[in-house]
Amino acid sequence: FCLEDGASVSCPDLSALLSLANEVSEVQ
C-alpha cells in the first residue's frame, strides 16, 4: 500500500485505503 495519493504505483494508494474504511463498522 502506498501512503501517498496519486503515486503511479501498481497497488492501492492512501485514498483507496481510506475509501475502504466506509465498509467497516465502528464495532469492528
PDB file of all heavy atoms in Angstrom:
ATOM      1  N   PHE A   1       0.844  -1.187   0.000  1.00  0.00           N
ATOM      2  CA  PHE A   1       0.000   0.000   0.000  1.00  0.00           C
ATOM      3  C   PHE A   1       0.883   1.242   0.000  1.00  0.00           C
ATOM      4  O   PHE A   1       1.839   1.326   0.771  1.00  0.00           O
ATOM      5  CB  PHE A   1      -0.911   0.026   1.236  1.00  0.00           C
ATOM      6  CG  PHE A   1      -1.758  -1.199   1.363  1.00  0.00           C
ATOM      7  CD1 PHE A   1      -1.367  -2.250   2.180  1.00  0.00           C
ATOM      8  CD2 PHE A   1      -2.937  -1.327   0.652  1.00  0.00           C
ATOM      9  CE1 PHE A   1      -2.129  -3.398   2.296  1.00  0.00           C
ATOM     10  CE2 PHE A   1      -3.714  -2.469   0.754  1.00  0.00           C
ATOM     11  CZ  PHE A   1      -3.309  -3.504   1.581  1.00  0.00           C
ATOM     12  N   CYS A   2       0.533   2.194  -0.839  1.00  0.00           N
ATOM     13  CA  CYS A   2       1.271   3.451  -0.913  1.00  0.00           C
ATOM     14  C   CYS A   2       0.594   4.480  -0.017  1.00  0.00           C
ATOM     15  O   CYS A   2      -0.622   4.657  -0.078  1.00  0.00           O
ATOM     16  CB  CYS A   2       1.319   3.949  -2.352  1.00  0.00           C
ATOM     17  SG  CYS A   2       2.312   5.438  -2.545  1.00  0.00           S
ATOM     18  N   LEU A   3       1.379   5.144   0.811  1.00  0.00           N
ATOM     19  CA  LEU A   3       0.847   6.153   1.729  1.00  0.00           C
ATOM     20  C   LEU A   3       0.731   7.531   1.077  1.00  0.00           C
ATOM     21  O   LEU A   3       0.577   8.532   1.761  1.00  0.00           O
ATOM     22  CB  LEU A   3       1.726   6.233   2.986  1.00  0.00           C
ATOM     23  CG  LEU A   3       1.712   4.990   3.869  1.00  0.00           C
ATOM     24  CD1 LEU A   3       2.738   5.115   4.989  1.00  0.00           C
ATOM     25  CD2 LEU A   3       0.325   4.742   4.427  1.00  0.00           C
ATOM     26  N   GLU A   4       0.826   7.570  -0.237  1.00  0.00           N
ATOM     27  CA  GLU A   4       0.665   8.811  -0.987  1.00  0.00           C
ATOM     28  C   GLU A   4      -0.613   8.706  -1.814  1.00  0.00           C
ATOM     29  O   GLU A   4      -1.104   7.621  -2.081  1.00  0.00           O
ATOM     30  CB  GLU A   4       1.838   9.024  -1.948  1.00  0.00           C
ATOM     31  CG  GLU A   4       3.169   9.214  -1.289  1.00  0.00           C
ATOM     32  CD  GLU A   4       4.281   9.381  -2.321  1.00  0.00           C
ATOM     33  OE1 GLU A   4       4.056  10.052  -3.346  1.00  0.00           O
ATOM     34  OE2 GLU A   4       5.358   8.829  -2.093  1.00  0.00           O
ATOM     35  N   ASP A   5      -1.096   9.835  -2.258  1.00  0.00           N
ATOM     36  CA  ASP A   5      -2.217   9.850  -3.185  1.00  0.00           C
ATOM     37  C   ASP A   5      -1.696  10.079  -4.594  1.00  0.00           C
ATOM     38  O   ASP A   5      -0.797  10.891  -4.806  1.00  0.00           O
ATOM     39  CB  ASP A   5      -3.203  10.974  -2.844  1.00  0.00           C
ATOM     40  CG  ASP A   5      -4.117  10.607  -1.702  1.00  0.00           C
ATOM     41  OD1 ASP A   5      -4.431   9.415  -1.561  1.00  0.00           O
ATOM     42  OD2 ASP A   5      -4.513  11.512  -0.953  1.00  0.00           O
ATOM     43  N   GLY A   6      -2.232   9.348  -5.540  1.00  0.00           N
ATOM     44  CA  GLY A   6      -1.925   9.584  -6.936  1.00  0.00           C
ATOM     45  C   GLY A   6      -0.537   9.160  -7.381  1.00  0.00           C
ATOM     46  O   GLY A   6      -0.119   9.509  -8.479  1.00  0.00           O
ATOM     47  N   ALA A   7       0.189   8.437  -6.561  1.00  0.00           N
ATOM     48  CA  ALA A   7       1.501   7.950  -6.984  1.00  0.00           C
ATOM     49  C   ALA A   7       1.281   6.883  -8.053  1.00  0.00           C
ATOM     50  O   ALA A   7       0.352   6.101  -7.978  1.00  0.00           O
ATOM     51  CB  ALA A   7       2.264   7.373  -5.798  1.00  0.00           C
ATOM     52  N   SER A   8       2.139   6.875  -9.040  1.00  0.00           N
ATOM     53  CA  SER A   8       1.964   5.904 -10.130  1.00  0.00           C
ATOM     54  C   SER A   8       2.616   4.583  -9.744  1.00  0.00           C
ATOM     55  O   SER A   8       3.707   4.253 -10.170  1.00  0.00           O
ATOM     56  CB  SER A   8       2.562   6.455 -11.427  1.00  0.00           C
ATOM     57  OG  SER A   8       3.925   6.758 -11.230  1.00  0.00           O
ATOM     58  N   VAL A   9       1.925   3.846  -8.889  1.00  0.00           N
ATOM     59  CA  VAL A   9       2.408   2.547  -8.431  1.00  0.00           C
ATOM     60  C   VAL A   9       1.308   1.515  -8.656  1.00  0.00           C
ATOM     61  O   VAL A   9       0.134   1.855  -8.745  1.00  0.00           O
ATOM     62  CB  VAL A   9       2.821   2.573  -6.938  1.00  0.00           C
ATOM     63  CG1 VAL A   9       4.042   3.447  -6.725  1.00  0.00           C
ATOM     64  CG2 VAL A   9       1.683   3.034  -6.048  1.00  0.00           C
ATOM     65  N   SER A  10       1.712   0.267  -8.721  1.00  0.00           N
ATOM     66  CA  SER A  10       0.755  -0.801  -9.029  1.00  0.00           C
ATOM     67  C   SER A  10       0.188  -1.428  -7.750  1.00  0.00           C
ATOM     68  O   SER A  10       0.293  -2.628  -7.538  1.00  0.00           O
ATOM     69  CB  SER A  10       1.438  -1.860  -9.883  1.00  0.00           C
ATOM     70  OG  SER A  10       2.579  -2.354  -9.208  1.00  0.00           O
ATOM     71  N   CYS A  11      -0.378  -0.587  -6.892  1.00  0.00           N
ATOM     72  CA  CYS A  11      -1.025  -1.062  -5.671  1.00  0.00           C
ATOM     73  C   CYS A  11      -1.939   0.050  -5.156  1.00  0.00           C
ATOM     74  O   CYS A  11      -1.851   1.187  -5.623  1.00  0.00           O
ATOM     75  CB  CYS A  11       0.022  -1.446  -4.616  1.00  0.00           C
ATOM     76  SG  CYS A  11       1.015  -0.081  -4.019  1.00  0.00           S
ATOM     77  N   PRO A  12      -2.803  -0.256  -4.192  1.00  0.00           N
ATOM     78  CA  PRO A  12      -3.702   0.777  -3.662  1.00  0.00           C
ATOM     79  C   PRO A  12      -2.935   1.933  -3.014  1.00  0.00           C
ATOM     80  O   PRO A  12      -1.908   1.727  -2.370  1.00  0.00           O
ATOM     81  CB  PRO A  12      -4.532   0.025  -2.616  1.00  0.00           C
ATOM     82  CG  PRO A  12      -4.421  -1.412  -2.985  1.00  0.00           C
ATOM     83  CD  PRO A  12      -3.063  -1.572  -3.606  1.00  0.00           C
ATOM     84  N   ASP A  13      -3.460   3.146  -3.204  1.00  0.00           N
ATOM     85  CA  ASP A  13      -2.853   4.313  -2.566  1.00  0.00           C
ATOM     86  C   ASP A  13      -3.666   4.720  -1.341  1.00  0.00           C
ATOM     87  O   ASP A  13      -4.623   4.036  -0.965  1.00  0.00           O
ATOM     88  CB  ASP A  13      -2.699   5.472  -3.557  1.00  0.00           C
ATOM     89  CG  ASP A  13      -4.030   6.030  -4.050  1.00  0.00           C
ATOM     90  OD1 ASP A  13      -5.107   5.618  -3.554  1.00  0.00           O
ATOM     91  OD2 ASP A  13      -4.003   6.895  -4.943  1.00  0.00           O
ATOM     92  N   LEU A  14      -3.274   5.820  -0.714  1.00  0.00           N
ATOM     93  CA  LEU A  14      -3.909   6.265   0.527  1.00  0.00           C
ATOM     94  C   LEU A  14      -5.406   6.499   0.344  1.00  0.00           C
ATOM     95  O   LEU A  14      -6.209   6.081   1.179  1.00  0.00           O
ATOM     96  CB  LEU A  14      -3.212   7.525   1.043  1.00  0.00           C
ATOM     97  CG  LEU A  14      -3.658   8.025   2.405  1.00  0.00           C
ATOM     98  CD1 LEU A  14      -3.437   6.976   3.485  1.00  0.00           C
ATOM     99  CD2 LEU A  14      -2.925   9.312   2.764  1.00  0.00           C
ATOM    100  N   SER A  15      -5.800   7.143  -0.744  1.00  0.00           N
ATOM    101  CA  SER A  15      -7.231   7.402  -0.977  1.00  0.00           C
ATOM    102  C   SER A  15      -8.027   6.110  -1.075  1.00  0.00           C
ATOM    103  O   SER A  15      -9.138   6.018  -0.556  1.00  0.00           O
ATOM    104  CB  SER A  15      -7.428   8.223  -2.255  1.00  0.00           C
ATOM    105  OG  SER A  15      -6.918   9.516  -2.088  1.00  0.00           O
ATOM    106  N   ALA A  16      -7.459   5.106  -1.739  1.00  0.00           N
ATOM    107  CA  ALA A  16      -8.146   3.816  -1.859  1.00  0.00           C
ATOM    108  C   ALA A  16      -8.323   3.167  -0.490  1.00  0.00           C
ATOM    109  O   ALA A  16      -9.384   2.629  -0.187  1.00  0.00           O
ATOM    110  CB  ALA A  16      -7.374   2.895  -2.797  1.00  0.00           C
ATOM    111  N   LEU A  17      -7.280   3.225   0.334  1.00  0.00           N
ATOM    112  CA  LEU A  17      -7.382   2.663   1.686  1.00  0.00           C
ATOM    113  C   LEU A  17      -8.445   3.382   2.502  1.00  0.00           C
ATOM    114  O   LEU A  17      -9.250   2.751   3.185  1.00  0.00           O
ATOM    115  CB  LEU A  17      -6.043   2.766   2.410  1.00  0.00           C
ATOM    116  CG  LEU A  17      -5.028   1.679   2.143  1.00  0.00           C
ATOM    117  CD1 LEU A  17      -3.678   2.049   2.745  1.00  0.00           C
ATOM    118  CD2 LEU A  17      -5.499   0.347   2.696  1.00  0.00           C
ATOM    119  N   LEU A  18      -8.430   4.706   2.433  1.00  0.00           N
ATOM    120  CA  LEU A  18      -9.398   5.482   3.217  1.00  0.00           C
ATOM    121  C   LEU A  18     -10.833   5.232   2.741  1.00  0.00           C
ATOM    122  O   LEU A  18     -11.753   5.209   3.558  1.00  0.00           O
ATOM    123  CB  LEU A  18      -9.049   6.968   3.162  1.00  0.00           C
ATOM    124  CG  LEU A  18      -7.721   7.358   3.813  1.00  0.00           C
ATOM    125  CD1 LEU A  18      -7.424   8.838   3.598  1.00  0.00           C
ATOM    126  CD2 LEU A  18      -7.695   6.998   5.288  1.00  0.00           C
ATOM    127  N   SER A  19     -11.019   5.020   1.444  1.00  0.00           N
ATOM    128  CA  SER A  19     -12.374   4.763   0.947  1.00  0.00           C
ATOM    129  C   SER A  19     -12.892   3.399   1.413  1.00  0.00           C
ATOM    130  O   SER A  19     -14.096   3.214   1.567  1.00  0.00           O
ATOM    131  CB  SER A  19     -12.427   4.863  -0.576  1.00  0.00           C
ATOM    132  OG  SER A  19     -11.725   3.801  -1.171  1.00  0.00           O
ATOM    133  N   LEU A  20     -11.988   2.456   1.657  1.00  0.00           N
ATOM    134  CA  LEU A  20     -12.405   1.140   2.169  1.00  0.00           C
ATOM    135  C   LEU A  20     -12.974   1.238   3.584  1.00  0.00           C
ATOM    136  O   LEU A  20     -13.756   0.385   4.004  1.00  0.00           O
ATOM    137  CB  LEU A  20     -11.217   0.171   2.176  1.00  0.00           C
ATOM    138  CG  LEU A  20     -10.677  -0.274   0.825  1.00  0.00           C
ATOM    139  CD1 LEU A  20      -9.408  -1.103   1.016  1.00  0.00           C
ATOM    140  CD2 LEU A  20     -11.728  -1.048   0.057  1.00  0.00           C
ATOM    141  N   ALA A  21     -12.565   2.271   4.322  1.00  0.00           N
ATOM    142  CA  ALA A  21     -12.994   2.422   5.713  1.00  0.00           C
ATOM    143  C   ALA A  21     -14.511   2.515   5.829  1.00  0.00           C
ATOM    144  O   ALA A  21     -15.082   2.085   6.836  1.00  0.00           O
ATOM    145  CB  ALA A  21     -12.342   3.654   6.329  1.00  0.00           C
ATOM    146  N   ASN A  22     -15.165   3.037   4.806  1.00  0.00           N
ATOM    147  CA  ASN A  22     -16.620   3.178   4.843  1.00  0.00           C
ATOM    148  C   ASN A  22     -17.331   1.839   4.924  1.00  0.00           C
ATOM    149  O   ASN A  22     -18.495   1.776   5.288  1.00  0.00           O
ATOM    150  CB  ASN A  22     -17.106   3.948   3.613  1.00  0.00           C
ATOM    151  CG  ASN A  22     -16.577   5.361   3.584  1.00  0.00           C
ATOM    152  OD1 ASN A  22     -16.347   5.971   4.620  1.00  0.00           O
ATOM    153  ND2 ASN A  22     -16.374   5.881   2.386  1.00  0.00           N
ATOM    154  N   GLU A  23     -16.631   0.759   4.562  1.00  0.00           N
ATOM    155  CA  GLU A  23     -17.233  -0.572   4.554  1.00  0.00           C
ATOM    156  C   GLU A  23     -17.052  -1.309   5.880  1.00  0.00           C
ATOM    157  O   GLU A  23     -17.462  -2.454   6.009  1.00  0.00           O
ATOM    158  CB  GLU A  23     -16.626  -1.388   3.414  1.00  0.00           C
ATOM    159  CG  GLU A  23     -16.842  -0.758   2.048  1.00  0.00           C
ATOM    160  CD  GLU A  23     -16.096  -1.475   0.950  1.00  0.00           C
ATOM    161  OE1 GLU A  23     -15.870  -2.691   1.067  1.00  0.00           O
ATOM    162  OE2 GLU A  23     -15.742  -0.807  -0.035  1.00  0.00           O
ATOM    163  N   VAL A  24     -16.417  -0.653   6.866  1.00  0.00           N
ATOM    164  CA  VAL A  24     -16.148  -1.281   8.161  1.00  0.00           C
ATOM    165  C   VAL A  24     -16.897  -0.506   9.237  1.00  0.00           C
ATOM    166  O   VAL A  24     -16.788   0.716   9.328  1.00  0.00           O
ATOM    167  CB  VAL A  24     -14.634  -1.292   8.478  1.00  0.00           C
ATOM    168  CG1 VAL A  24     -14.361  -1.871   9.853  1.00  0.00           C
ATOM    169  CG2 VAL A  24     -13.873  -2.071   7.407  1.00  0.00           C
ATOM    170  N   SER A  25     -17.648  -1.218  10.063  1.00  0.00           N
ATOM    171  CA  SER A  25     -18.404  -0.546  11.116  1.00  0.00           C
ATOM    172  C   SER A  25     -17.488  -0.201  12.292  1.00  0.00           C
ATOM    173  O   SER A  25     -16.413  -0.781  12.453  1.00  0.00           O
ATOM    174  CB  SER A  25     -19.547  -1.438  11.603  1.00  0.00           C
ATOM    175  OG  SER A  25     -19.027  -2.508  12.369  1.00  0.00           O
ATOM    176  N   GLU A  26     -17.943   0.730  13.105  1.00  0.00           N
ATOM    177  CA  GLU A  26     -17.200   1.116  14.306  1.00  0.00           C
ATOM    178  C   GLU A  26     -17.014  -0.073  15.242  1.00  0.00           C
ATOM    179  O   GLU A  26     -16.015  -0.176  15.936  1.00  0.00           O
ATOM    180  CB  GLU A  26     -17.930   2.248  15.050  1.00  0.00           C
ATOM    181  CG  GLU A  26     -17.988   3.554  14.299  1.00  0.00           C
ATOM    182  CD  GLU A  26     -16.626   4.181  14.052  1.00  0.00           C
ATOM    183  OE1 GLU A  26     -15.734   4.058  14.917  1.00  0.00           O
ATOM    184  OE2 GLU A  26     -16.448   4.785  12.984  1.00  0.00           O
ATOM    185  N   VAL A  27     -17.965  -0.995  15.230  1.00  0.00           N
ATOM    186  CA  VAL A  27     -17.924  -2.153  16.118  1.00  0.00           C
ATOM    187  C   VAL A  27     -16.740  -3.058  15.772  1.00  0.00           C
ATOM    188  O   VAL A  27     -16.168  -3.696  16.641  1.00  0.00           O
ATOM    189  CB  VAL A  27     -19.254  -2.942  16.026  1.00  0.00           C
ATOM    190  CG1 VAL A  27     -19.216  -4.204  16.867  1.00  0.00           C
ATOM    191  CG2 VAL A  27     -20.412  -2.049  16.442  1.00  0.00           C
ATOM    192  N   GLN A  28     -16.365  -3.099  14.499  1.00  0.00           N
ATOM    193  CA  GLN A  28     -15.278  -3.971  14.071  1.00  0.00           C
ATOM    194  C   GLN A  28     -13.903  -3.465  14.493  1.00  0.00           C
ATOM    195  O   GLN A  28     -12.948  -4.220  14.490  1.00  0.00           O
ATOM    196  CB  GLN A  28     -15.315  -4.161  12.554  1.00  0.00           C
ATOM    197  CG  GLN A  28     -16.519  -4.953  12.097  1.00  0.00           C
ATOM    198  CD  GLN A  28     -16.624  -5.006  10.595  1.00  0.00           C
ATOM    199  OE1 GLN A  28     -17.216  -4.137   9.983  1.00  0.00           O
ATOM    200  NE2 GLN A  28     -16.030  -6.027  10.006  1.00  0.00           N
TER     201      GLN A  28
END
